[in-house]
N, C-alpha and C. Protein backbone atom coordinates (compact mmCIF):
# COMPACT_ATOMS: atom_id res chain seq x y z
N MET A 1 -94.46 -74.00 66.16
CA MET A 1 -95.89 -73.66 66.38
C MET A 1 -96.19 -72.22 65.63
N GLU A 2 -95.23 -71.41 65.98
CA GLU A 2 -95.17 -69.93 65.53
C GLU A 2 -95.06 -70.04 63.85
N ASP A 3 -94.15 -70.90 63.39
CA ASP A 3 -94.09 -71.07 61.91
C ASP A 3 -95.36 -71.46 61.27
N LEU A 4 -96.15 -72.42 62.00
CA LEU A 4 -97.49 -73.01 61.60
C LEU A 4 -98.40 -71.78 61.53
N ARG A 5 -98.61 -70.87 62.49
CA ARG A 5 -99.53 -69.85 62.58
C ARG A 5 -99.07 -68.92 61.46
N LEU A 6 -97.92 -68.67 61.08
CA LEU A 6 -97.42 -67.84 60.10
C LEU A 6 -97.88 -68.32 58.81
N TYR A 7 -97.71 -69.55 58.73
CA TYR A 7 -98.22 -70.25 57.23
C TYR A 7 -99.62 -70.17 57.07
N ILE A 8 -100.60 -70.53 58.22
CA ILE A 8 -101.93 -70.53 58.06
C ILE A 8 -102.39 -69.17 57.81
N ASN A 9 -101.71 -68.03 58.25
CA ASN A 9 -102.11 -66.61 57.81
C ASN A 9 -101.87 -66.28 56.40
N THR A 10 -100.95 -67.05 55.67
CA THR A 10 -100.65 -66.89 54.21
C THR A 10 -101.56 -67.64 53.36
N LEU A 11 -102.48 -68.52 53.82
CA LEU A 11 -103.16 -69.21 52.95
C LEU A 11 -104.20 -68.40 52.39
N ARG A 12 -104.26 -68.35 51.03
CA ARG A 12 -105.32 -67.54 50.24
C ARG A 12 -105.69 -68.19 49.22
N HIS A 13 -107.00 -67.95 48.78
CA HIS A 13 -107.45 -68.51 47.47
C HIS A 13 -108.52 -67.51 47.02
N ASP A 14 -108.33 -66.90 45.96
CA ASP A 14 -109.39 -65.89 45.34
C ASP A 14 -110.24 -66.67 44.50
N PHE A 15 -111.47 -66.62 44.93
CA PHE A 15 -112.59 -67.30 44.09
C PHE A 15 -113.00 -66.48 42.73
N SER A 16 -113.08 -67.26 41.61
CA SER A 16 -113.08 -66.40 40.35
C SER A 16 -113.97 -67.34 39.12
N LYS A 17 -114.42 -68.31 39.63
CA LYS A 17 -115.16 -69.28 38.67
C LYS A 17 -116.22 -68.95 38.12
N GLN A 18 -117.31 -68.45 38.86
CA GLN A 18 -118.75 -68.16 38.37
C GLN A 18 -119.28 -67.01 39.27
N THR A 19 -120.53 -66.52 38.73
CA THR A 19 -121.17 -65.48 39.37
C THR A 19 -122.52 -65.94 39.75
N LEU A 20 -123.18 -65.19 40.45
CA LEU A 20 -124.67 -65.42 40.92
C LEU A 20 -125.38 -64.22 41.18
N ASP A 21 -126.44 -63.95 40.31
CA ASP A 21 -127.26 -62.72 40.35
C ASP A 21 -128.83 -63.16 40.66
N GLU A 22 -129.28 -62.05 41.08
CA GLU A 22 -130.72 -62.31 41.44
C GLU A 22 -131.65 -62.80 40.30
N SER A 23 -131.14 -62.24 39.03
CA SER A 23 -132.03 -62.77 37.88
C SER A 23 -131.64 -63.99 37.34
N ASP A 24 -130.47 -64.56 37.97
CA ASP A 24 -130.18 -65.93 37.50
C ASP A 24 -130.91 -67.19 38.27
N VAL A 25 -131.51 -66.88 39.48
CA VAL A 25 -131.83 -67.97 40.20
C VAL A 25 -133.36 -68.31 40.18
N ASN A 26 -133.65 -69.50 40.26
CA ASN A 26 -135.19 -69.94 40.22
C ASN A 26 -135.84 -69.26 41.46
N LYS A 27 -137.24 -69.01 41.01
CA LYS A 27 -138.15 -68.51 42.21
C LYS A 27 -138.20 -69.52 43.38
N SER A 28 -137.95 -70.72 42.99
CA SER A 28 -138.19 -71.75 44.21
C SER A 28 -136.74 -72.06 44.61
N PRO A 29 -136.43 -72.05 45.86
CA PRO A 29 -135.04 -72.35 46.32
C PRO A 29 -134.88 -73.70 46.34
N PHE A 30 -135.85 -74.67 46.36
CA PHE A 30 -135.65 -76.11 46.06
C PHE A 30 -135.25 -76.38 44.62
N LEU A 31 -135.87 -75.72 43.78
CA LEU A 31 -135.39 -76.00 42.35
C LEU A 31 -134.14 -75.47 42.16
N GLN A 32 -133.66 -74.41 42.80
CA GLN A 32 -132.22 -73.73 42.75
C GLN A 32 -131.34 -74.59 43.30
N PHE A 33 -131.74 -75.30 44.48
CA PHE A 33 -130.79 -76.31 45.06
C PHE A 33 -130.54 -77.59 44.20
N GLU A 34 -131.75 -77.98 43.56
CA GLU A 34 -131.59 -79.02 42.72
C GLU A 34 -130.57 -78.92 41.67
N LYS A 35 -130.64 -77.66 41.00
CA LYS A 35 -129.83 -77.23 40.03
C LYS A 35 -128.45 -77.31 40.41
N TRP A 36 -128.26 -76.63 41.46
CA TRP A 36 -126.67 -76.67 42.04
C TRP A 36 -126.15 -77.99 42.40
N PHE A 37 -127.10 -78.77 43.07
CA PHE A 37 -126.70 -80.07 43.39
C PHE A 37 -126.30 -80.95 42.24
N LYS A 38 -127.12 -80.90 41.20
CA LYS A 38 -126.87 -81.50 39.82
C LYS A 38 -125.57 -81.17 39.39
N GLU A 39 -125.28 -79.93 39.41
CA GLU A 39 -123.96 -79.27 38.96
C GLU A 39 -122.80 -79.90 39.74
N ALA A 40 -123.09 -80.19 41.11
CA ALA A 40 -122.02 -80.50 41.99
C ALA A 40 -121.74 -81.93 41.66
N VAL A 41 -122.80 -82.76 41.18
CA VAL A 41 -122.72 -84.22 41.05
C VAL A 41 -121.76 -84.22 39.65
N ASP A 42 -122.07 -83.33 38.55
CA ASP A 42 -121.75 -83.52 37.34
C ASP A 42 -120.17 -83.03 37.39
N ALA A 43 -119.81 -82.27 38.39
CA ALA A 43 -118.47 -81.60 38.52
C ALA A 43 -117.61 -82.77 39.48
N HIS A 44 -118.27 -83.91 39.68
CA HIS A 44 -117.50 -84.97 40.38
C HIS A 44 -116.98 -84.49 41.81
N VAL A 45 -117.64 -83.63 42.50
CA VAL A 45 -117.54 -83.14 43.79
C VAL A 45 -117.57 -84.39 44.77
N ASN A 46 -116.58 -84.49 45.66
CA ASN A 46 -116.50 -85.77 46.57
C ASN A 46 -117.63 -85.81 47.37
N GLU A 47 -118.52 -86.66 47.45
CA GLU A 47 -119.70 -86.93 48.25
C GLU A 47 -120.40 -85.45 48.38
N PRO A 48 -121.15 -85.10 47.27
CA PRO A 48 -121.85 -83.75 47.11
C PRO A 48 -123.06 -83.81 48.18
N ASN A 49 -123.42 -84.86 48.73
CA ASN A 49 -124.54 -84.86 49.65
C ASN A 49 -123.95 -84.90 51.02
N ALA A 50 -122.80 -84.70 51.35
CA ALA A 50 -122.18 -84.55 52.69
C ALA A 50 -122.67 -83.11 53.16
N MET A 51 -122.94 -82.88 54.38
CA MET A 51 -123.31 -81.62 54.87
C MET A 51 -123.02 -81.59 56.30
N THR A 52 -122.71 -80.39 56.69
CA THR A 52 -122.75 -80.15 58.17
C THR A 52 -123.98 -79.87 58.73
N VAL A 53 -124.30 -80.66 59.79
CA VAL A 53 -125.58 -80.59 60.45
C VAL A 53 -125.37 -79.91 61.79
N ALA A 54 -125.88 -78.83 62.10
CA ALA A 54 -125.69 -77.97 63.38
C ALA A 54 -127.01 -77.98 64.21
N THR A 55 -126.79 -78.39 65.46
CA THR A 55 -127.98 -78.37 66.42
C THR A 55 -127.58 -77.67 67.65
N ALA A 56 -128.21 -77.50 68.64
CA ALA A 56 -127.91 -76.82 69.96
C ALA A 56 -128.80 -77.38 71.02
N SER A 57 -128.03 -77.35 72.27
CA SER A 57 -128.73 -77.72 73.50
C SER A 57 -129.81 -76.57 73.92
N THR A 58 -130.66 -76.80 74.76
CA THR A 58 -131.55 -75.92 75.30
C THR A 58 -130.81 -74.80 75.97
N SER A 59 -129.64 -74.95 76.28
CA SER A 59 -128.74 -73.92 77.01
C SER A 59 -127.91 -73.07 75.89
N GLY A 60 -128.03 -73.40 74.63
CA GLY A 60 -127.47 -72.71 73.47
C GLY A 60 -126.08 -73.26 73.08
N MET A 61 -125.50 -74.33 73.60
CA MET A 61 -124.47 -74.84 73.24
C MET A 61 -124.59 -75.56 71.91
N PRO A 62 -123.83 -75.08 70.95
CA PRO A 62 -123.84 -75.83 69.50
C PRO A 62 -122.98 -76.97 69.44
N ALA A 63 -123.52 -77.76 68.53
CA ALA A 63 -122.69 -79.03 68.12
C ALA A 63 -123.04 -79.18 66.47
N ALA A 64 -121.83 -79.63 65.86
CA ALA A 64 -121.93 -79.85 64.48
C ALA A 64 -121.23 -81.04 64.08
N ARG A 65 -121.76 -81.68 63.14
CA ARG A 65 -121.14 -83.05 62.45
C ARG A 65 -121.60 -83.21 61.02
N ILE A 66 -120.76 -84.08 60.42
CA ILE A 66 -121.10 -84.13 59.03
C ILE A 66 -121.95 -85.33 58.87
N LEU A 67 -123.07 -85.19 58.20
CA LEU A 67 -124.04 -86.29 57.80
C LEU A 67 -124.30 -86.27 56.30
N LEU A 68 -125.10 -87.25 56.01
CA LEU A 68 -125.31 -87.37 54.38
C LEU A 68 -126.79 -86.93 54.23
N LEU A 69 -127.15 -86.14 53.25
CA LEU A 69 -128.40 -85.81 52.69
C LEU A 69 -128.94 -86.99 52.08
N ARG A 70 -130.09 -87.57 52.31
CA ARG A 70 -130.64 -88.71 51.68
C ARG A 70 -131.83 -88.44 50.84
N ASN A 71 -132.36 -87.10 50.88
CA ASN A 71 -133.58 -86.93 50.06
C ASN A 71 -133.80 -85.52 50.22
N PHE A 72 -134.52 -84.73 49.31
CA PHE A 72 -134.99 -83.33 49.38
C PHE A 72 -136.12 -83.14 48.36
N ASN A 73 -136.95 -82.29 48.71
CA ASN A 73 -138.18 -81.80 47.73
C ASN A 73 -138.82 -80.66 48.51
N GLU A 74 -139.90 -80.16 48.13
CA GLU A 74 -140.43 -79.08 48.61
C GLU A 74 -140.87 -79.24 49.98
N ASN A 75 -140.85 -80.52 50.54
CA ASN A 75 -141.29 -80.56 51.92
C ASN A 75 -140.15 -80.46 52.74
N GLY A 76 -138.85 -80.42 52.18
CA GLY A 76 -137.64 -80.37 53.06
C GLY A 76 -136.64 -81.21 52.64
N PHE A 77 -135.58 -81.21 53.58
CA PHE A 77 -134.15 -81.97 53.64
C PHE A 77 -134.16 -82.99 54.46
N VAL A 78 -133.89 -84.11 54.01
CA VAL A 78 -133.93 -85.51 54.75
C VAL A 78 -132.49 -86.08 55.24
N PHE A 79 -132.43 -86.49 56.45
CA PHE A 79 -131.26 -87.07 56.73
C PHE A 79 -131.69 -88.22 57.98
N TYR A 80 -130.87 -89.34 58.23
CA TYR A 80 -131.26 -90.20 59.21
C TYR A 80 -130.34 -90.39 60.39
N SER A 81 -130.89 -90.75 61.43
CA SER A 81 -129.76 -90.69 62.51
C SER A 81 -130.68 -91.59 63.77
N ASN A 82 -129.80 -91.74 64.76
CA ASN A 82 -130.17 -92.37 66.06
C ASN A 82 -130.91 -91.45 66.74
N TYR A 83 -132.10 -91.60 67.28
CA TYR A 83 -132.98 -90.82 67.97
C TYR A 83 -132.28 -90.45 69.39
N VAL A 84 -131.60 -91.32 69.96
CA VAL A 84 -131.27 -91.11 71.26
C VAL A 84 -129.71 -90.79 71.35
N SER A 85 -129.20 -90.51 70.15
CA SER A 85 -127.86 -89.90 70.08
C SER A 85 -127.77 -88.42 70.83
N ARG A 86 -126.71 -87.99 70.87
CA ARG A 86 -126.44 -86.52 71.20
C ARG A 86 -127.36 -85.66 70.49
N LYS A 87 -127.19 -85.94 69.15
CA LYS A 87 -127.97 -84.94 68.20
C LYS A 87 -129.49 -85.18 68.37
N GLY A 88 -129.91 -86.32 68.47
CA GLY A 88 -131.35 -86.71 68.65
C GLY A 88 -131.86 -86.27 69.91
N GLU A 89 -131.14 -86.37 71.03
CA GLU A 89 -131.61 -85.62 72.30
C GLU A 89 -131.83 -84.11 72.18
N GLU A 90 -130.81 -83.49 71.38
CA GLU A 90 -130.94 -81.86 71.35
C GLU A 90 -131.95 -81.72 70.41
N ILE A 91 -132.19 -82.42 69.20
CA ILE A 91 -133.22 -82.03 68.34
C ILE A 91 -134.70 -82.24 69.27
N ALA A 92 -134.73 -83.20 70.03
CA ALA A 92 -136.00 -83.25 70.70
C ALA A 92 -136.22 -82.05 71.72
N ALA A 93 -135.23 -81.64 72.21
CA ALA A 93 -135.45 -80.50 73.09
C ALA A 93 -135.41 -79.20 72.41
N ASN A 94 -134.75 -79.15 71.32
CA ASN A 94 -134.70 -77.80 70.53
C ASN A 94 -134.72 -78.25 68.98
N PRO A 95 -135.75 -78.11 68.24
CA PRO A 95 -135.65 -78.62 66.88
C PRO A 95 -135.08 -77.75 65.92
N GLN A 96 -134.63 -76.63 66.23
CA GLN A 96 -134.17 -75.67 65.22
C GLN A 96 -132.63 -76.18 64.82
N CYS A 97 -132.43 -76.08 63.45
CA CYS A 97 -131.15 -76.76 63.02
C CYS A 97 -130.72 -76.03 61.82
N ALA A 98 -129.41 -76.22 61.48
CA ALA A 98 -128.95 -75.50 60.20
C ALA A 98 -128.01 -76.60 59.60
N LEU A 99 -128.24 -76.55 58.23
CA LEU A 99 -127.35 -77.41 57.45
C LEU A 99 -126.61 -76.35 56.63
N LEU A 100 -125.20 -77.12 56.39
CA LEU A 100 -124.21 -76.42 55.35
C LEU A 100 -123.86 -77.35 54.48
N PHE A 101 -123.72 -76.97 53.16
CA PHE A 101 -123.09 -77.69 51.98
C PHE A 101 -122.04 -76.87 51.69
N PHE A 102 -120.82 -77.35 51.28
CA PHE A 102 -119.66 -76.70 50.83
C PHE A 102 -119.20 -77.53 49.63
N TRP A 103 -119.20 -76.99 48.36
CA TRP A 103 -118.75 -77.67 47.23
C TRP A 103 -117.51 -76.92 46.64
N PRO A 104 -116.28 -77.05 47.20
CA PRO A 104 -115.08 -76.27 46.83
C PRO A 104 -114.77 -76.12 45.47
N GLU A 105 -115.08 -77.42 44.65
CA GLU A 105 -114.68 -77.52 43.42
C GLU A 105 -115.40 -76.46 42.52
N LEU A 106 -116.93 -75.97 43.11
CA LEU A 106 -117.53 -75.04 42.23
C LEU A 106 -117.40 -73.66 43.03
N GLU A 107 -116.71 -73.66 44.07
CA GLU A 107 -116.63 -72.40 44.99
C GLU A 107 -117.92 -71.88 45.37
N ARG A 108 -118.70 -72.92 45.89
CA ARG A 108 -120.12 -72.74 46.37
C ARG A 108 -120.34 -73.14 47.74
N GLN A 109 -121.32 -72.57 48.39
CA GLN A 109 -121.99 -73.00 49.73
C GLN A 109 -123.33 -72.82 49.64
N VAL A 110 -123.95 -73.55 50.37
CA VAL A 110 -125.62 -73.43 50.61
C VAL A 110 -125.90 -73.55 51.95
N ARG A 111 -126.47 -72.71 52.65
CA ARG A 111 -126.56 -72.77 54.12
C ARG A 111 -128.32 -72.62 54.08
N ILE A 112 -128.71 -73.55 55.12
CA ILE A 112 -130.12 -73.93 55.24
C ILE A 112 -130.47 -73.74 56.82
N GLU A 113 -131.37 -73.12 56.90
CA GLU A 113 -131.91 -73.04 58.53
C GLU A 113 -133.36 -73.28 58.53
N GLY A 114 -133.82 -73.88 59.74
CA GLY A 114 -135.18 -74.31 59.71
C GLY A 114 -135.42 -75.12 60.94
N VAL A 115 -136.54 -75.90 60.92
CA VAL A 115 -137.15 -76.63 62.14
C VAL A 115 -137.22 -78.14 61.66
N LEU A 116 -136.60 -78.95 62.45
CA LEU A 116 -136.71 -80.43 62.19
C LEU A 116 -137.94 -81.16 62.60
N GLU A 117 -138.55 -82.21 61.81
CA GLU A 117 -139.52 -82.95 62.37
C GLU A 117 -139.13 -84.35 61.88
N LYS A 118 -139.67 -85.35 62.80
CA LYS A 118 -139.33 -86.67 62.42
C LYS A 118 -140.19 -87.08 61.25
N GLN A 119 -139.46 -88.13 60.52
CA GLN A 119 -140.33 -88.72 59.47
C GLN A 119 -141.27 -89.63 60.02
N THR A 120 -142.27 -89.98 59.26
CA THR A 120 -143.10 -91.22 59.74
C THR A 120 -142.48 -92.39 59.74
N ALA A 121 -142.91 -93.41 60.65
CA ALA A 121 -142.23 -94.63 60.66
C ALA A 121 -142.20 -95.34 59.47
N GLU A 122 -143.25 -95.16 58.65
CA GLU A 122 -143.35 -95.81 57.29
C GLU A 122 -142.25 -95.07 56.27
N GLU A 123 -142.11 -94.05 56.31
CA GLU A 123 -141.11 -93.42 55.48
C GLU A 123 -139.57 -93.70 55.94
N SER A 124 -139.32 -93.94 57.18
CA SER A 124 -138.05 -94.60 57.83
C SER A 124 -137.86 -95.87 57.40
N ASP A 125 -139.10 -96.60 57.48
CA ASP A 125 -138.83 -98.04 57.12
C ASP A 125 -138.49 -98.33 55.71
N ILE A 126 -139.18 -97.51 54.77
CA ILE A 126 -138.65 -97.51 53.38
C ILE A 126 -137.20 -97.35 53.18
N TYR A 127 -136.58 -96.15 53.76
CA TYR A 127 -135.29 -95.89 53.60
C TYR A 127 -134.40 -96.98 54.22
N PHE A 128 -134.84 -97.33 55.51
CA PHE A 128 -133.95 -98.33 56.19
C PHE A 128 -133.89 -99.63 55.20
N ASN A 129 -134.84 -100.08 54.48
CA ASN A 129 -134.78 -101.27 53.94
C ASN A 129 -134.00 -101.27 52.67
N THR A 130 -133.65 -100.10 52.24
CA THR A 130 -132.72 -99.86 51.00
C THR A 130 -131.15 -99.93 51.55
N ARG A 131 -130.99 -100.06 52.92
CA ARG A 131 -129.64 -100.13 53.34
C ARG A 131 -128.81 -101.23 53.29
N PRO A 132 -127.67 -101.32 53.09
CA PRO A 132 -126.85 -102.88 53.07
C PRO A 132 -127.10 -103.33 54.43
N ARG A 133 -127.20 -104.58 54.60
CA ARG A 133 -127.20 -105.41 55.84
C ARG A 133 -126.28 -104.97 56.98
N THR A 134 -125.09 -104.56 56.44
CA THR A 134 -124.05 -104.30 57.54
C THR A 134 -124.49 -103.02 58.29
N SER A 135 -124.92 -101.94 57.40
CA SER A 135 -125.55 -100.81 57.95
C SER A 135 -126.64 -100.93 58.97
N LYS A 136 -127.57 -101.83 58.36
CA LYS A 136 -128.79 -102.16 59.26
C LYS A 136 -128.19 -102.77 60.63
N LEU A 137 -127.30 -103.61 60.60
CA LEU A 137 -126.79 -104.19 61.84
C LEU A 137 -126.11 -103.19 62.72
N GLY A 138 -125.26 -102.14 62.09
CA GLY A 138 -124.77 -101.11 62.73
C GLY A 138 -125.69 -100.34 63.49
N ALA A 139 -126.94 -100.02 62.93
CA ALA A 139 -127.89 -99.08 63.53
C ALA A 139 -128.34 -99.86 64.80
N TRP A 140 -128.35 -101.11 64.85
CA TRP A 140 -128.63 -101.84 66.11
C TRP A 140 -127.66 -101.89 67.04
N THR A 141 -126.41 -102.02 66.68
CA THR A 141 -125.45 -102.39 67.49
C THR A 141 -124.82 -101.15 68.24
N SER A 142 -124.81 -99.99 67.61
CA SER A 142 -124.09 -98.69 68.19
C SER A 142 -125.00 -97.97 69.26
N PRO A 143 -124.71 -97.76 70.38
CA PRO A 143 -125.41 -96.88 71.36
C PRO A 143 -124.71 -95.36 71.12
N GLN A 144 -125.15 -94.81 69.96
CA GLN A 144 -124.49 -93.64 69.41
C GLN A 144 -124.27 -92.67 70.47
N SER A 145 -123.10 -91.94 70.53
CA SER A 145 -122.74 -90.78 71.35
C SER A 145 -122.61 -91.34 72.78
N LYS A 146 -122.73 -92.59 73.24
CA LYS A 146 -122.56 -93.05 74.53
C LYS A 146 -121.21 -93.53 74.84
N VAL A 147 -120.60 -93.43 75.96
CA VAL A 147 -119.38 -93.96 76.15
C VAL A 147 -119.29 -95.61 76.19
N VAL A 148 -118.34 -96.20 75.55
CA VAL A 148 -118.35 -97.63 75.32
C VAL A 148 -116.99 -98.03 76.06
N ALA A 149 -116.70 -99.30 76.39
CA ALA A 149 -115.69 -99.81 77.15
C ALA A 149 -114.51 -99.89 76.20
N ASN A 150 -114.62 -100.41 75.04
CA ASN A 150 -113.44 -100.40 74.06
C ASN A 150 -113.96 -100.79 72.65
N ARG A 151 -113.16 -100.78 71.74
CA ARG A 151 -113.49 -101.40 70.28
C ARG A 151 -113.97 -102.82 70.27
N LYS A 152 -113.43 -103.67 71.24
CA LYS A 152 -113.88 -105.15 71.31
C LYS A 152 -115.39 -105.10 71.59
N ALA A 153 -115.74 -104.45 72.55
CA ALA A 153 -117.15 -104.35 73.16
C ALA A 153 -118.21 -103.91 71.81
N LEU A 154 -117.58 -103.13 71.07
CA LEU A 154 -118.35 -102.82 69.81
C LEU A 154 -118.46 -104.01 68.89
N ASP A 155 -117.25 -104.41 68.71
CA ASP A 155 -117.45 -105.56 67.60
C ASP A 155 -117.90 -106.97 68.10
N ASP A 156 -118.00 -107.23 69.44
CA ASP A 156 -118.62 -108.22 70.01
C ASP A 156 -119.96 -108.16 69.85
N ALA A 157 -120.70 -106.80 70.17
CA ALA A 157 -121.98 -106.46 69.93
C ALA A 157 -122.52 -106.66 68.63
N TYR A 158 -121.59 -106.18 67.50
CA TYR A 158 -122.05 -106.26 66.18
C TYR A 158 -122.18 -107.84 65.87
N GLU A 159 -121.30 -108.68 66.37
CA GLU A 159 -121.29 -109.95 66.02
C GLU A 159 -122.46 -110.61 66.52
N GLU A 160 -122.95 -110.34 67.74
CA GLU A 160 -124.23 -110.85 68.33
C GLU A 160 -125.41 -110.33 67.54
N MET A 161 -125.40 -109.15 66.89
CA MET A 161 -126.55 -108.70 66.14
C MET A 161 -126.42 -109.52 64.82
N SER A 162 -125.21 -109.78 64.33
CA SER A 162 -125.20 -110.42 63.00
C SER A 162 -125.64 -111.77 63.18
N LYS A 163 -125.45 -112.59 64.33
CA LYS A 163 -126.16 -113.74 64.55
C LYS A 163 -127.56 -113.80 64.65
N LYS A 164 -127.99 -112.74 65.37
CA LYS A 164 -129.64 -112.53 65.52
C LYS A 164 -130.20 -112.39 64.32
N TYR A 165 -129.63 -111.54 63.43
CA TYR A 165 -130.32 -111.24 62.01
C TYR A 165 -129.25 -111.86 60.86
N PRO A 166 -129.48 -113.11 60.56
CA PRO A 166 -128.39 -113.56 59.73
C PRO A 166 -128.75 -113.37 58.12
N THR A 167 -129.86 -112.68 58.01
CA THR A 167 -130.28 -112.43 56.39
C THR A 167 -130.36 -110.91 56.45
N ASP A 168 -130.75 -110.53 55.17
CA ASP A 168 -131.03 -109.10 54.95
C ASP A 168 -132.15 -108.66 55.46
N ASN A 169 -133.06 -109.64 55.90
CA ASN A 169 -134.38 -109.03 56.62
C ASN A 169 -134.32 -108.60 58.12
N VAL A 170 -133.59 -107.36 58.09
CA VAL A 170 -133.11 -106.82 59.57
C VAL A 170 -134.24 -105.58 59.69
N PRO A 171 -135.10 -105.82 60.73
CA PRO A 171 -136.05 -104.60 61.02
C PRO A 171 -135.30 -103.29 61.41
N ARG A 172 -136.23 -102.19 61.24
CA ARG A 172 -135.51 -100.92 61.69
C ARG A 172 -135.65 -100.77 63.18
N PRO A 173 -134.51 -100.41 63.76
CA PRO A 173 -134.60 -100.10 65.37
C PRO A 173 -135.64 -99.04 65.61
N PRO A 174 -136.36 -99.08 66.68
CA PRO A 174 -137.34 -98.11 66.99
C PRO A 174 -136.71 -96.77 67.24
N HIS A 175 -135.32 -96.87 67.54
CA HIS A 175 -134.71 -95.66 68.06
C HIS A 175 -133.99 -94.89 66.87
N TRP A 176 -134.24 -95.43 65.83
CA TRP A 176 -133.41 -94.91 64.40
C TRP A 176 -134.45 -94.55 63.42
N GLY A 177 -134.29 -93.41 62.66
CA GLY A 177 -135.27 -93.02 61.72
C GLY A 177 -134.72 -91.56 61.15
N GLY A 178 -135.55 -91.25 60.50
CA GLY A 178 -135.26 -89.96 59.62
C GLY A 178 -135.84 -88.69 60.12
N TYR A 179 -135.26 -87.58 59.81
CA TYR A 179 -135.59 -86.26 60.18
C TYR A 179 -135.81 -85.39 58.87
N VAL A 180 -136.65 -84.47 58.78
CA VAL A 180 -137.01 -83.73 57.67
C VAL A 180 -136.78 -82.13 58.21
N LEU A 181 -135.85 -81.51 57.58
CA LEU A 181 -135.64 -80.03 57.81
C LEU A 181 -136.68 -79.16 56.97
N LYS A 182 -137.50 -78.61 57.76
CA LYS A 182 -138.40 -77.65 57.16
C LYS A 182 -137.82 -76.37 57.00
N PRO A 183 -137.40 -75.83 55.88
CA PRO A 183 -136.46 -74.53 55.92
C PRO A 183 -137.40 -73.28 55.90
N THR A 184 -136.77 -72.44 56.55
CA THR A 184 -137.33 -70.86 56.71
C THR A 184 -136.31 -70.11 55.97
N ASN A 185 -135.15 -70.35 55.90
CA ASN A 185 -134.13 -69.54 55.06
C ASN A 185 -133.08 -70.41 54.39
N ILE A 186 -133.00 -70.13 53.13
CA ILE A 186 -131.88 -70.89 52.35
C ILE A 186 -131.04 -69.90 51.62
N GLU A 187 -129.58 -69.92 51.77
CA GLU A 187 -128.71 -68.95 51.13
C GLU A 187 -127.84 -69.63 50.40
N PHE A 188 -127.72 -69.17 49.04
CA PHE A 188 -126.72 -69.69 48.13
C PHE A 188 -125.56 -68.63 47.92
N TRP A 189 -124.40 -69.32 48.18
CA TRP A 189 -123.13 -68.45 48.25
C TRP A 189 -122.26 -68.94 47.02
N GLN A 190 -121.81 -67.80 46.37
CA GLN A 190 -120.77 -68.11 45.14
C GLN A 190 -119.60 -67.31 45.47
N GLY A 191 -118.56 -67.93 45.47
CA GLY A 191 -117.35 -67.16 45.78
C GLY A 191 -116.91 -66.20 44.55
N ARG A 192 -116.38 -65.02 45.00
CA ARG A 192 -116.01 -64.10 43.91
C ARG A 192 -114.71 -63.52 44.51
N PRO A 193 -114.00 -62.87 43.23
CA PRO A 193 -112.70 -62.19 43.72
C PRO A 193 -112.86 -61.05 44.85
N SER A 194 -111.55 -60.93 45.31
CA SER A 194 -111.45 -59.80 46.46
C SER A 194 -112.60 -60.12 47.54
N ARG A 195 -112.89 -61.20 47.72
CA ARG A 195 -113.81 -61.58 48.87
C ARG A 195 -115.24 -60.89 48.75
N MET A 196 -115.46 -60.36 47.55
CA MET A 196 -116.70 -59.67 47.14
C MET A 196 -117.76 -60.81 46.62
N HIS A 197 -118.09 -61.68 47.44
CA HIS A 197 -118.82 -62.83 47.05
C HIS A 197 -120.29 -62.59 46.83
N ASP A 198 -120.95 -63.37 45.98
CA ASP A 198 -122.25 -63.32 45.79
C ASP A 198 -123.06 -64.24 46.78
N ARG A 199 -124.10 -63.54 47.47
CA ARG A 199 -124.87 -64.12 48.38
C ARG A 199 -126.49 -63.85 47.96
N ILE A 200 -127.20 -64.88 47.69
CA ILE A 200 -128.59 -64.87 47.44
C ILE A 200 -129.39 -65.38 48.56
N LEU A 201 -130.26 -64.92 49.22
CA LEU A 201 -130.97 -65.32 50.32
C LEU A 201 -132.43 -65.52 50.03
N TYR A 202 -133.05 -66.67 50.26
CA TYR A 202 -134.43 -66.90 50.21
C TYR A 202 -135.04 -67.01 51.48
N THR A 203 -136.02 -66.23 51.91
CA THR A 203 -136.76 -66.19 53.26
C THR A 203 -138.07 -66.40 53.06
N LEU A 204 -138.55 -67.46 53.94
CA LEU A 204 -140.05 -67.85 53.69
C LEU A 204 -141.00 -66.82 54.51
N VAL A 205 -141.76 -66.13 53.77
CA VAL A 205 -142.66 -65.21 54.38
C VAL A 205 -144.12 -65.38 53.95
N ASP A 206 -144.92 -65.99 54.89
CA ASP A 206 -146.35 -66.08 54.62
C ASP A 206 -146.48 -67.05 53.40
N SER A 207 -145.68 -68.27 53.40
CA SER A 207 -145.80 -69.24 52.43
C SER A 207 -145.10 -68.86 51.11
N ASN A 208 -144.53 -67.81 51.01
CA ASN A 208 -143.94 -67.45 49.79
C ASN A 208 -142.41 -67.03 50.19
N TRP A 209 -141.59 -67.24 49.00
CA TRP A 209 -140.14 -67.06 49.21
C TRP A 209 -139.70 -65.71 48.73
N LYS A 210 -139.38 -64.76 49.60
CA LYS A 210 -138.68 -63.52 49.34
C LYS A 210 -137.12 -63.74 48.99
N ILE A 211 -136.75 -63.27 47.99
CA ILE A 211 -135.42 -63.44 47.49
C ILE A 211 -134.66 -61.95 47.54
N GLU A 212 -133.40 -62.03 48.24
CA GLU A 212 -132.74 -60.82 48.59
C GLU A 212 -131.34 -61.01 48.37
N ARG A 213 -130.28 -59.92 48.09
CA ARG A 213 -129.04 -60.03 48.18
C ARG A 213 -128.46 -59.55 49.39
N LEU A 214 -127.50 -60.45 49.79
CA LEU A 214 -126.81 -60.03 51.08
C LEU A 214 -125.20 -59.52 50.77
N ALA A 215 -124.87 -58.67 51.60
CA ALA A 215 -123.45 -58.11 51.46
C ALA A 215 -122.50 -59.30 51.80
N PRO A 216 -121.50 -59.41 51.13
CA PRO A 216 -120.43 -60.56 51.44
C PRO A 216 -119.75 -60.30 52.85
């Protein structure tokens, strides 16, 4: 164990690929995100839409997990989940949320903070209908975040749902749908040598985006 701790302390990577300056970024954080996201796709980042989603209980206990971004525009950043999962219950009680994208191939991070709102049922239906049948059945089968007896219980429940909905015409469960993060802060982080990283912060002030540089 001591050798492992010493090894961890020696892990170092000096970031040096690119720079980021206030004069380089778009006035819109959404267009800046679109630019960086496209560059992550072009760089063949593994699952560029994977993001950490952090929520918190009303007592302040944080929880984080990896989810997939499914859409974004000037209305916000969209992901889908079970409304009665742990995250769903936390969001219902405390809708403040943070997202984190990490694209190591480009030595970049994007941090987004804001408030979550549910998508309309119609919007959730549109996305749900694009999912593979197997994923649709999974949304019905899994009592997400709840204790289950064993794997067989899940497999048996899935099989029952598969018999109930034998075609692709699987309706969306009422307990499953989309969330939209309405951002108030978006930070773009570019790794730089000697830990002197570039950090450009967008803050929403009276419907306008204020752009500032943060110390690394």
